[in-house]
């Protein structure tokens, strides 16, 4: 884990190789395209404009991983299933969520909560960044789902209030990052010379 400091000495926790800090007065920055295939925001891939909504996309992919128990990119799966985010969105459109949910997390008593998390993940991986929720909204919705689960006798009761407050803290949310084995780096000019890559993006 990396602990990064911005110009105001605010700590930001990260765990990825191509880390970049946002200046506090900017909503986006231009960078060479770097990232992990499957997690990479399609808008960032095409424009080199890294925004806060790029992290939202990547976090949505993480939620899909947790729900499905599947790898983000796998060439061992059928062609239309290789990209997990695209596969997940197609399953959601066809209302076949239970076909992709990992049996280890699927129980009759938590189906409604799983559907809520799945719908949130689907919104996070929308093609247009402006249509995605903010990380603050994502954290708030997840907390609401967790609170609803705690009201049931089968829910968890050991979650401390300070833990959820920490998860909602802006410094924690803004420091989320991702890494993996399918990393790549390329400049804007070289993008024109590359064959199209299959990337995650759906509405």
Foldseek 3Di string as FASTA:
>chain_A
DDWDQDPVGQTADEDADPDDDDDPPDFWDADFDKDFFLLAQPVCVQPSIDGQLSVLSNVLSVLLCQFQVDDQADPVDPPCPRHPQSVLLVCVVVVNNVVRGDPVPDDPVCVVLSVQSSVLSNQSQANDSVSHDGLLVVLVSNVVSLVVQCVDPPHDDPDDPVVSVVSNDPSHSSRYDDYDDRIDTGGPVCVVVDDDDDHGHHD
